[in-house]
């Protein structure tokens, strides 16, 4: 009854339509798939590989994808996949291949990369299932992590939202929590707009320099993954060390939480001093914390609006488009949606999340009504 209660406790008018658990005894593979809603079309969502993944997290992320894909105006529903395991495991490719075999019959789901997976992982999944996005260029894909689609969208969202708090991006400071593919891309694209990144952190620690950080100074090659940062071995000289918790307390203009869910809660929300929060991660803040921040006068751009760049690029790829086309589409859609959400929130005197959910859910409801009429 416990597992049933956990799953059905999230059920509502939209879904989830499907919650699957996969297990392969020989590999000790433990996988999860949640297809939340397919009214708008076959569901797109990334596959996350982390050791502490839960069914609850995947269900919540799948719903975030339904809302994200809807408000982005792409013809896809929302889903999320997950592998409970270490993304640095020596048998990672075996686990991915076995997980993909389980996915093969679920034609209503188009897999993409998420935490722990990259374009090479997606090539394995394509071989097993015949469908995937975020593929390497060699397979005529758009390598979402490599070009930084999500981080690009975060930068566009931040620039668009800045006008609503009278913030000049060229004079703005930003702190980025999470220095994986999203955080790194957000760093590059934000600094390209003149924003000064003063702090970053990952699971190994963080660094702060009020004069600004150098991207190249934070990244070094790793023979295994090419993704190591100097935060790993504290081999940097252009700033002072800080913890992830301390990063949230910094007096900056923009805070970009870009790692795991629920990093902003009622337990730390009172420590936040940023003027604006633009999430690179899905469900970065709890609902209660987000309302508290809004009441405090801190603008929170809804996560599924701000970080939709990756899935927008994936939809462009699915139709056969190019990386160049994806950048133009991301820029147009995210800036348009940030404006629509913040204008509605101002006009109706409601929270930005409430405005965003209203717009996204109505599109899904319309699609569900249309399907019932056929």
Foldseek 3Di string as FASTA:
>chain_A
DVVVCLQCVPQDPQDQPDWDWDADVVVRKTKIKTQHHFLLHQAEEEEAEEQPDDSNQQNQQQVLSQLLCLLLPFSGGGMYMYINDDLPDPCNLVSLLVVLLVCQVVVSYAYEHDHSDWQVSQVSSCVNRVHYALHDVVVLHNVCLVQQQLLLLLLLLCCLCCVVVPHDLLPFEEEEEADFSNRLSVVVNSVVSNHAYAKYAYPLWMWGDPVGDDSVQFADQDPPPGTDTCSNVVPHDRTDTGGSLVSQQDQGAEYEYADDAAPAEPVRLVSHNYQEYRYSDANNHDPVSLVVCVVVNRAYQHHSLRRSRSVQSRSCRVVSHDPVVSSVSSSVSSSVSSVQLVVVCVVVVHHSVVSSSVSSVVSSVVSVVVVVVD
